[in-house]
Amino acid sequence: MKQNGVPKFYWQGGYGAFSVSVSKEQAVIDYIAKQAIKHRRLTFQDELREFFEKHRVKWDERYVWD
């Protein structure tokens, strides 16, 4: 955001943003509906690690967790 002309933009702790294609809307709805069940076997942190790896997102754990 700052590189695109919003110099006073800051993220709040504990939030992230992801874009989703309209063609995948139902898949996202289903995914959200199953979160409670999924997190019984997989922590949020492990799920996010898998997500980043699957989508080849470069990240640094020092800046993700509280």
C-alpha atoms as a PDB file:
ATOM      1  CA  MET A   1       0.000   0.000   0.000  1.00  0.00           C
ATOM      2  CA  LYS A   2       2.764   2.446   0.881  1.00  0.00           C
ATOM      3  CA  GLN A   3       4.469   1.735  -2.454  1.00  0.00           C
ATOM      4  CA  ASN A   4       1.167   2.524  -4.177  1.00  0.00           C
ATOM      5  CA  GLY A   5       0.695   5.996  -2.743  1.00  0.00           C
ATOM      6  CA  VAL A   6      -0.771   5.392   0.732  1.00  0.00           C
ATOM      7  CA  PRO A   7       2.127   6.571   2.939  1.00  0.00           C
ATOM      8  CA  LYS A   8       0.299   6.346   6.286  1.00  0.00           C
ATOM      9  CA  PHE A   9      -0.945   2.778   5.811  1.00  0.00           C
ATOM     10  CA  TYR A  10      -0.242   0.331   8.685  1.00  0.00           C
ATOM     11  CA  TRP A  11      -1.441  -3.190   9.428  1.00  0.00           C
ATOM     12  CA  GLN A  12      -2.977  -3.928  12.802  1.00  0.00           C
ATOM     13  CA  GLY A  13      -1.458  -6.794  14.757  1.00  0.00           C
ATOM     14  CA  GLY A  14      -3.066 -10.128  13.987  1.00  0.00           C
ATOM     15  CA  TYR A  15      -4.541  -9.336  10.578  1.00  0.00           C
ATOM     16  CA  GLY A  16      -3.757 -10.308   7.003  1.00  0.00           C
ATOM     17  CA  ALA A  17      -5.427  -9.908   3.648  1.00  0.00           C
ATOM     18  CA  PHE A  18      -5.809 -12.269   0.728  1.00  0.00           C
ATOM     19  CA  SER A  19      -7.623 -11.820  -2.545  1.00  0.00           C
ATOM     20  CA  VAL A  20      -9.995 -14.457  -3.893  1.00  0.00           C
ATOM     21  CA  SER A  21     -11.283 -14.975  -7.399  1.00  0.00           C
ATOM     22  CA  VAL A  22     -15.062 -14.705  -7.785  1.00  0.00           C
ATOM     23  CA  SER A  23     -14.973 -18.063  -9.554  1.00  0.00           C
ATOM     24  CA  LYS A  24     -13.750 -19.623  -6.285  1.00  0.00           C
ATOM     25  CA  GLU A  25     -16.388 -18.004  -4.070  1.00  0.00           C
ATOM     26  CA  GLN A  26     -18.175 -21.226  -3.133  1.00  0.00           C
ATOM     27  CA  ALA A  27     -14.888 -22.988  -2.411  1.00  0.00           C
ATOM     28  CA  VAL A  28     -13.960 -20.181  -0.003  1.00  0.00           C
ATOM     29  CA  ILE A  29     -17.374 -20.343   1.704  1.00  0.00           C
ATOM     30  CA  ASP A  30     -16.970 -24.109   2.151  1.00  0.00           C
ATOM     31  CA  TYR A  31     -13.407 -23.665   3.419  1.00  0.00           C
ATOM     32  CA  ILE A  32     -14.492 -21.158   6.072  1.00  0.00           C
ATOM     33  CA  ALA A  33     -17.403 -23.352   7.150  1.00  0.00           C
ATOM     34  CA  LYS A  34     -14.976 -26.227   7.868  1.00  0.00           C
ATOM     35  CA  GLN A  35     -12.405 -24.216   9.853  1.00  0.00           C
ATOM     36  CA  ALA A  36     -13.468 -25.382  13.321  1.00  0.00           C
ATOM     37  CA  ILE A  37     -13.147 -29.039  12.286  1.00  0.00           C
ATOM     38  CA  LYS A  38      -9.866 -28.482  10.471  1.00  0.00           C
ATOM     39  CA  HIS A  39      -8.291 -26.698  13.448  1.00  0.00           C
ATOM     40  CA  ARG A  40      -8.930 -29.703  15.675  1.00  0.00           C
ATOM     41  CA  ARG A  41      -6.082 -31.467  13.822  1.00  0.00           C
ATOM     42  CA  LEU A  42      -4.059 -28.578  12.409  1.00  0.00           C
ATOM     43  CA  THR A  43      -3.093 -25.344  14.148  1.00  0.00           C
ATOM     44  CA  PHE A  44      -3.689 -22.016  12.445  1.00  0.00           C
ATOM     45  CA  GLN A  45       0.080 -21.527  12.296  1.00  0.00           C
ATOM     46  CA  ASP A  46       0.624 -24.872  10.538  1.00  0.00           C
ATOM     47  CA  GLU A  47      -2.242 -24.164   8.151  1.00  0.00           C
ATOM     48  CA  LEU A  48      -0.747 -20.783   7.232  1.00  0.00           C
ATOM     49  CA  ARG A  49       2.683 -22.357   6.707  1.00  0.00           C
ATOM     50  CA  GLU A  50       1.116 -24.900   4.328  1.00  0.00           C
ATOM     51  CA  PHE A  51      -0.783 -22.146   2.523  1.00  0.00           C
ATOM     52  CA  PHE A  52       2.345 -20.058   1.996  1.00  0.00           C
ATOM     53  CA  GLU A  53       4.319 -23.079   0.805  1.00  0.00           C
ATOM     54  CA  LYS A  54       1.560 -24.220  -1.571  1.00  0.00           C
ATOM     55  CA  HIS A  55       1.297 -20.761  -3.141  1.00  0.00           C
ATOM     56  CA  ARG A  56       5.061 -20.068  -3.084  1.00  0.00           C
ATOM     57  CA  VAL A  57       4.705 -17.029  -0.831  1.00  0.00           C
ATOM     58  CA  LYS A  58       8.000 -15.782   0.581  1.00  0.00           C
ATOM     59  CA  TRP A  59       7.651 -14.863   4.251  1.00  0.00           C
ATOM     60  CA  ASP A  60       9.573 -14.629   7.484  1.00  0.00           C
ATOM     61  CA  GLU A  61       8.101 -16.146  10.645  1.00  0.00           C
ATOM     62  CA  ARG A  62       9.722 -13.412  12.745  1.00  0.00           C
ATOM     63  CA  TYR A  63       7.135 -10.986  11.356  1.00  0.00           C
ATOM     64  CA  VAL A  64       4.029 -13.193  11.397  1.00  0.00           C
ATOM     65  CA  TRP A  65       3.403 -14.473  14.930  1.00  0.00           C
ATOM     66  CA  ASP A  66       2.839 -12.434  18.093  1.00  0.00           C
END
